Amino acid sequence: MKTVNRAFTTVLIAIAAFAFAAAPAAQANDWDEQPAVKKSVAPDNPNGLTGMVMATIVIDEKGFVTDASIAKSTDGNLDGPTIAAVKQWIFTPAKKGGEAISCKINVPFKFKG
């Protein structure tokens, strides 16, 4: 149960961070509406590591993650699980002029051991 709670806490932190701190990797003025998380998956942290990871995510016009990379990380052991998790996320896509568009965003993750 402790592992489930830790994973759930990581998801909540990631979603809250996305809602308040998501910064586009490219021009923010490229959209009228930012993407919003519809489905998220928490990164695994089986060793109970503590650290921060900034993932750069490319979201297509359908809301699917088409690419993900690590922009910054305090522990390389958290990078793989973060990428594996965010590739499963689904978004409401960003919009410009009422049309769905692809975009690139940065999402921070905070891991607590």
N, C-alpha and C. Protein backbone atom coordinates (compact mmCIF):
# COMPACT_ATOMS: atom_id res chain seq x y z
N MET A 1 0.82 -1.20 0.00
CA MET A 1 0.00 0.00 0.00
C MET A 1 0.86 1.26 0.00
N LYS A 2 2.02 1.20 0.68
CA LYS A 2 2.92 2.34 0.72
C LYS A 2 3.40 2.72 -0.67
N THR A 3 3.70 1.71 -1.51
CA THR A 3 4.15 1.95 -2.88
C THR A 3 3.04 2.62 -3.69
N VAL A 4 1.80 2.16 -3.52
CA VAL A 4 0.66 2.75 -4.23
C VAL A 4 0.49 4.20 -3.80
N ASN A 5 0.57 4.48 -2.50
CA ASN A 5 0.43 5.85 -2.02
C ASN A 5 1.55 6.73 -2.56
N ARG A 6 2.78 6.22 -2.61
CA ARG A 6 3.91 6.99 -3.11
C ARG A 6 3.69 7.30 -4.59
N ALA A 7 3.24 6.31 -5.36
CA ALA A 7 2.99 6.53 -6.79
C ALA A 7 1.87 7.55 -6.99
N PHE A 8 0.81 7.43 -6.18
CA PHE A 8 -0.31 8.35 -6.28
C PHE A 8 0.14 9.77 -5.94
N THR A 9 0.97 9.90 -4.91
CA THR A 9 1.50 11.21 -4.54
C THR A 9 2.32 11.80 -5.67
N THR A 10 3.12 10.98 -6.33
CA THR A 10 3.93 11.45 -7.45
C THR A 10 3.03 11.96 -8.57
N VAL A 11 1.94 11.25 -8.86
CA VAL A 11 0.99 11.69 -9.91
C VAL A 11 0.37 13.02 -9.53
N LEU A 12 -0.07 13.15 -8.29
CA LEU A 12 -0.70 14.40 -7.87
C LEU A 12 0.28 15.57 -7.96
N ILE A 13 1.51 15.34 -7.57
CA ILE A 13 2.52 16.39 -7.67
C ILE A 13 2.74 16.76 -9.13
N ALA A 14 2.83 15.75 -9.98
CA ALA A 14 3.06 16.01 -11.41
C ALA A 14 1.91 16.78 -12.03
N ILE A 15 0.68 16.40 -11.70
CA ILE A 15 -0.49 17.08 -12.27
C ILE A 15 -0.56 18.51 -11.76
N ALA A 16 -0.35 18.70 -10.46
CA ALA A 16 -0.37 20.05 -9.91
C ALA A 16 0.73 20.90 -10.52
N ALA A 17 1.89 20.33 -10.66
CA ALA A 17 3.01 21.06 -11.26
C ALA A 17 2.69 21.42 -12.70
N PHE A 18 2.07 20.49 -13.43
CA PHE A 18 1.70 20.76 -14.81
C PHE A 18 0.70 21.90 -14.89
N ALA A 19 -0.29 21.87 -14.02
CA ALA A 19 -1.34 22.87 -14.05
C ALA A 19 -0.81 24.27 -13.76
N PHE A 20 0.19 24.36 -12.89
CA PHE A 20 0.67 25.66 -12.48
C PHE A 20 2.03 26.05 -13.01
N ALA A 21 2.81 25.07 -13.49
CA ALA A 21 4.18 25.40 -13.87
C ALA A 21 4.58 24.88 -15.24
N ALA A 22 3.64 24.32 -15.99
CA ALA A 22 4.01 23.79 -17.30
C ALA A 22 4.45 24.94 -18.19
N ALA A 23 5.61 24.82 -18.70
CA ALA A 23 6.15 25.86 -19.57
C ALA A 23 6.41 25.24 -20.93
N PRO A 24 6.00 25.91 -21.97
CA PRO A 24 6.25 25.35 -23.29
C PRO A 24 7.74 25.31 -23.59
N ALA A 25 8.15 24.28 -24.26
CA ALA A 25 9.55 24.18 -24.67
C ALA A 25 9.82 25.11 -25.84
N ALA A 26 8.77 25.43 -26.60
CA ALA A 26 8.87 26.39 -27.69
C ALA A 26 7.88 27.52 -27.39
N GLN A 27 7.69 28.43 -28.31
CA GLN A 27 6.91 29.64 -28.08
C GLN A 27 5.53 29.39 -27.47
N ALA A 28 5.27 30.01 -26.32
CA ALA A 28 3.98 29.87 -25.65
C ALA A 28 2.87 30.56 -26.44
N ASN A 29 3.22 31.52 -27.25
CA ASN A 29 2.22 32.25 -28.03
C ASN A 29 1.70 31.45 -29.21
N ASP A 30 2.19 30.23 -29.35
CA ASP A 30 1.76 29.40 -30.48
C ASP A 30 0.39 28.79 -30.27
N TRP A 31 -0.22 28.96 -29.10
CA TRP A 31 -1.55 28.42 -28.89
C TRP A 31 -2.41 29.36 -28.06
N ASP A 32 -3.74 29.22 -28.22
CA ASP A 32 -4.71 30.00 -27.45
C ASP A 32 -5.11 29.24 -26.18
N GLU A 33 -5.14 27.91 -26.28
CA GLU A 33 -5.48 27.05 -25.14
C GLU A 33 -4.35 26.05 -24.95
N GLN A 34 -3.84 25.95 -23.72
CA GLN A 34 -2.76 25.00 -23.47
C GLN A 34 -3.32 23.59 -23.35
N PRO A 35 -2.49 22.59 -23.55
CA PRO A 35 -2.96 21.20 -23.42
C PRO A 35 -3.31 20.92 -21.96
N ALA A 36 -4.21 19.96 -21.77
CA ALA A 36 -4.62 19.57 -20.41
C ALA A 36 -4.55 18.05 -20.28
N VAL A 37 -4.10 17.59 -19.14
CA VAL A 37 -3.97 16.15 -18.91
C VAL A 37 -5.36 15.51 -18.80
N LYS A 38 -5.60 14.47 -19.60
CA LYS A 38 -6.82 13.66 -19.50
C LYS A 38 -6.53 12.36 -18.77
N LYS A 39 -5.36 11.77 -19.03
CA LYS A 39 -4.97 10.51 -18.39
C LYS A 39 -3.49 10.60 -18.09
N SER A 40 -3.14 10.31 -16.83
CA SER A 40 -1.72 10.30 -16.47
C SER A 40 -1.37 8.97 -15.82
N VAL A 41 -0.11 8.62 -15.92
CA VAL A 41 0.44 7.41 -15.32
C VAL A 41 1.64 7.85 -14.49
N ALA A 42 1.68 7.42 -13.23
CA ALA A 42 2.79 7.79 -12.36
C ALA A 42 4.05 7.00 -12.72
N PRO A 43 5.20 7.67 -12.70
CA PRO A 43 6.45 6.95 -12.93
C PRO A 43 6.72 5.99 -11.77
N ASP A 44 7.29 4.83 -12.08
CA ASP A 44 7.69 3.89 -11.04
C ASP A 44 8.88 4.46 -10.28
N ASN A 45 8.94 4.13 -9.01
CA ASN A 45 10.07 4.52 -8.17
C ASN A 45 10.29 3.40 -7.16
N PRO A 46 10.63 2.20 -7.66
CA PRO A 46 10.72 1.02 -6.78
C PRO A 46 11.80 1.12 -5.71
N ASN A 47 12.83 1.92 -5.94
CA ASN A 47 13.91 2.05 -4.96
C ASN A 47 13.69 3.21 -4.00
N GLY A 48 12.57 3.89 -4.12
CA GLY A 48 12.25 5.00 -3.22
C GLY A 48 13.23 6.16 -3.32
N LEU A 49 13.67 6.46 -4.54
CA LEU A 49 14.64 7.53 -4.74
C LEU A 49 13.98 8.90 -4.56
N THR A 50 14.77 9.87 -4.22
CA THR A 50 14.31 11.25 -4.10
C THR A 50 15.00 12.06 -5.19
N GLY A 51 14.24 12.91 -5.86
CA GLY A 51 14.84 13.74 -6.90
C GLY A 51 13.81 14.48 -7.72
N MET A 52 14.32 15.23 -8.68
CA MET A 52 13.48 15.99 -9.60
C MET A 52 13.85 15.63 -11.03
N VAL A 53 12.83 15.56 -11.89
CA VAL A 53 13.04 15.30 -13.31
C VAL A 53 12.16 16.27 -14.09
N MET A 54 12.72 16.90 -15.12
CA MET A 54 11.95 17.75 -16.02
C MET A 54 11.86 17.02 -17.35
N ALA A 55 10.65 16.61 -17.70
CA ALA A 55 10.43 15.90 -18.96
C ALA A 55 9.91 16.87 -20.01
N THR A 56 10.44 16.77 -21.22
CA THR A 56 9.93 17.53 -22.36
C THR A 56 9.08 16.58 -23.16
N ILE A 57 7.82 16.98 -23.38
CA ILE A 57 6.83 16.11 -24.01
C ILE A 57 6.29 16.76 -25.27
N VAL A 58 6.25 16.00 -26.36
CA VAL A 58 5.63 16.47 -27.60
C VAL A 58 4.25 15.82 -27.68
N ILE A 59 3.24 16.66 -27.82
CA ILE A 59 1.84 16.20 -27.87
C ILE A 59 1.30 16.50 -29.26
N ASP A 60 0.71 15.49 -29.89
CA ASP A 60 0.16 15.74 -31.24
C ASP A 60 -1.22 16.37 -31.15
N GLU A 61 -1.80 16.67 -32.31
CA GLU A 61 -3.10 17.34 -32.35
C GLU A 61 -4.26 16.46 -31.89
N LYS A 62 -3.99 15.18 -31.65
CA LYS A 62 -5.02 14.29 -31.10
C LYS A 62 -4.87 14.12 -29.60
N GLY A 63 -3.79 14.67 -29.03
CA GLY A 63 -3.59 14.59 -27.58
C GLY A 63 -2.67 13.47 -27.13
N PHE A 64 -2.05 12.77 -28.09
CA PHE A 64 -1.15 11.67 -27.74
C PHE A 64 0.29 12.15 -27.66
N VAL A 65 1.05 11.58 -26.77
CA VAL A 65 2.46 11.90 -26.64
C VAL A 65 3.21 11.17 -27.76
N THR A 66 3.87 11.93 -28.60
CA THR A 66 4.61 11.33 -29.72
C THR A 66 6.10 11.27 -29.47
N ASP A 67 6.57 12.03 -28.48
CA ASP A 67 7.99 12.00 -28.14
C ASP A 67 8.14 12.53 -26.72
N ALA A 68 9.14 12.02 -26.03
CA ALA A 68 9.44 12.49 -24.68
C ALA A 68 10.93 12.37 -24.44
N SER A 69 11.48 13.36 -23.76
CA SER A 69 12.90 13.34 -23.42
C SER A 69 13.08 14.01 -22.06
N ILE A 70 14.27 13.89 -21.53
CA ILE A 70 14.58 14.48 -20.23
C ILE A 70 15.36 15.78 -20.47
N ALA A 71 14.82 16.88 -19.95
CA ALA A 71 15.49 18.18 -20.07
C ALA A 71 16.48 18.37 -18.93
N LYS A 72 16.10 17.94 -17.73
CA LYS A 72 16.95 18.05 -16.54
C LYS A 72 16.61 16.89 -15.61
N SER A 73 17.60 16.48 -14.81
CA SER A 73 17.36 15.40 -13.87
C SER A 73 18.40 15.45 -12.76
N THR A 74 17.95 15.17 -11.54
CA THR A 74 18.89 15.11 -10.42
C THR A 74 19.39 13.69 -10.20
N ASP A 75 18.72 12.71 -10.81
CA ASP A 75 19.14 11.31 -10.66
C ASP A 75 18.77 10.55 -11.93
N GLY A 76 19.76 10.12 -12.67
CA GLY A 76 19.53 9.40 -13.93
C GLY A 76 18.71 8.14 -13.78
N ASN A 77 18.64 7.57 -12.58
CA ASN A 77 17.84 6.37 -12.36
C ASN A 77 16.34 6.66 -12.44
N LEU A 78 15.95 7.93 -12.37
CA LEU A 78 14.54 8.30 -12.46
C LEU A 78 14.12 8.62 -13.90
N ASP A 79 15.09 8.78 -14.79
CA ASP A 79 14.79 9.19 -16.16
C ASP A 79 13.96 8.16 -16.93
N GLY A 80 14.40 6.91 -16.93
CA GLY A 80 13.70 5.85 -17.67
C GLY A 80 12.26 5.68 -17.23
N PRO A 81 12.01 5.56 -15.92
CA PRO A 81 10.62 5.43 -15.47
C PRO A 81 9.76 6.65 -15.81
N THR A 82 10.37 7.83 -15.80
CA THR A 82 9.61 9.04 -16.14
C THR A 82 9.20 9.02 -17.61
N ILE A 83 10.15 8.69 -18.49
CA ILE A 83 9.84 8.61 -19.93
C ILE A 83 8.77 7.54 -20.19
N ALA A 84 8.94 6.38 -19.58
CA ALA A 84 7.97 5.28 -19.78
C ALA A 84 6.57 5.71 -19.35
N ALA A 85 6.48 6.45 -18.26
CA ALA A 85 5.17 6.88 -17.76
C ALA A 85 4.54 7.94 -18.67
N VAL A 86 5.30 9.00 -19.00
CA VAL A 86 4.69 10.10 -19.78
C VAL A 86 4.30 9.67 -21.19
N LYS A 87 4.94 8.65 -21.72
CA LYS A 87 4.55 8.17 -23.05
C LYS A 87 3.15 7.56 -23.04
N GLN A 88 2.63 7.28 -21.85
CA GLN A 88 1.28 6.73 -21.72
C GLN A 88 0.23 7.80 -21.45
N TRP A 89 0.66 9.02 -21.22
CA TRP A 89 -0.27 10.10 -20.91
C TRP A 89 -1.10 10.45 -22.15
N ILE A 90 -2.29 10.95 -21.89
CA ILE A 90 -3.18 11.44 -22.95
C ILE A 90 -3.65 12.83 -22.54
N PHE A 91 -3.68 13.73 -23.50
CA PHE A 91 -4.03 15.12 -23.25
C PHE A 91 -5.23 15.56 -24.07
N THR A 92 -5.88 16.61 -23.62
CA THR A 92 -6.72 17.40 -24.49
C THR A 92 -5.72 18.30 -25.19
N PRO A 93 -5.65 18.28 -26.51
CA PRO A 93 -4.58 19.00 -27.21
C PRO A 93 -4.67 20.52 -27.06
N ALA A 94 -3.54 21.15 -27.28
CA ALA A 94 -3.50 22.61 -27.33
C ALA A 94 -4.33 23.06 -28.53
N LYS A 95 -4.82 24.29 -28.46
CA LYS A 95 -5.62 24.82 -29.57
C LYS A 95 -5.15 26.21 -29.96
N LYS A 96 -5.27 26.48 -31.23
CA LYS A 96 -5.01 27.82 -31.77
C LYS A 96 -6.12 28.11 -32.77
N GLY A 97 -6.82 29.21 -32.55
CA GLY A 97 -7.92 29.55 -33.44
C GLY A 97 -9.01 28.50 -33.46
N GLY A 98 -9.18 27.79 -32.33
CA GLY A 98 -10.21 26.75 -32.24
C GLY A 98 -9.80 25.41 -32.81
N GLU A 99 -8.63 25.34 -33.42
CA GLU A 99 -8.14 24.10 -34.02
C GLU A 99 -7.10 23.44 -33.12
N ALA A 100 -7.18 22.12 -32.98
CA ALA A 100 -6.19 21.38 -32.21
C ALA A 100 -4.86 21.42 -32.94
N ILE A 101 -3.78 21.62 -32.17
CA ILE A 101 -2.44 21.67 -32.75
C ILE A 101 -1.48 20.82 -31.92
N SER A 102 -0.37 20.46 -32.51
CA SER A 102 0.66 19.76 -31.75
C SER A 102 1.49 20.81 -31.01
N CYS A 103 2.11 20.40 -29.92
CA CYS A 103 2.91 21.33 -29.13
C CYS A 103 3.97 20.57 -28.33
N LYS A 104 4.83 21.33 -27.71
CA LYS A 104 5.88 20.77 -26.87
C LYS A 104 5.82 21.49 -25.53
N ILE A 105 5.83 20.71 -24.43
CA ILE A 105 5.77 21.29 -23.09
C ILE A 105 6.82 20.62 -22.19
N ASN A 106 7.13 21.29 -21.11
CA ASN A 106 7.98 20.73 -20.07
C ASN A 106 7.11 20.43 -18.86
N VAL A 107 7.29 19.24 -18.27
CA VAL A 107 6.52 18.84 -17.09
C VAL A 107 7.50 18.40 -16.01
N PRO A 108 7.45 19.05 -14.85
CA PRO A 108 8.34 18.67 -13.76
C PRO A 108 7.75 17.52 -12.92
N PHE A 109 8.62 16.65 -12.45
CA PHE A 109 8.23 15.56 -11.56
C PHE A 109 9.10 15.64 -10.31
N LYS A 110 8.48 15.50 -9.16
CA LYS A 110 9.22 15.48 -7.91
C LYS A 110 9.02 14.10 -7.27
N PHE A 111 10.10 13.43 -7.01
CA PHE A 111 10.06 12.10 -6.41
C PHE A 111 10.47 12.22 -4.95
N LYS A 112 9.71 11.59 -4.08
CA LYS A 112 10.05 11.57 -2.67
C LYS A 112 10.25 10.12 -2.24
N GLY A 113 11.38 9.85 -1.64
CA GLY A 113 11.72 8.49 -1.22
C GLY A 113 10.97 7.99 -0.03
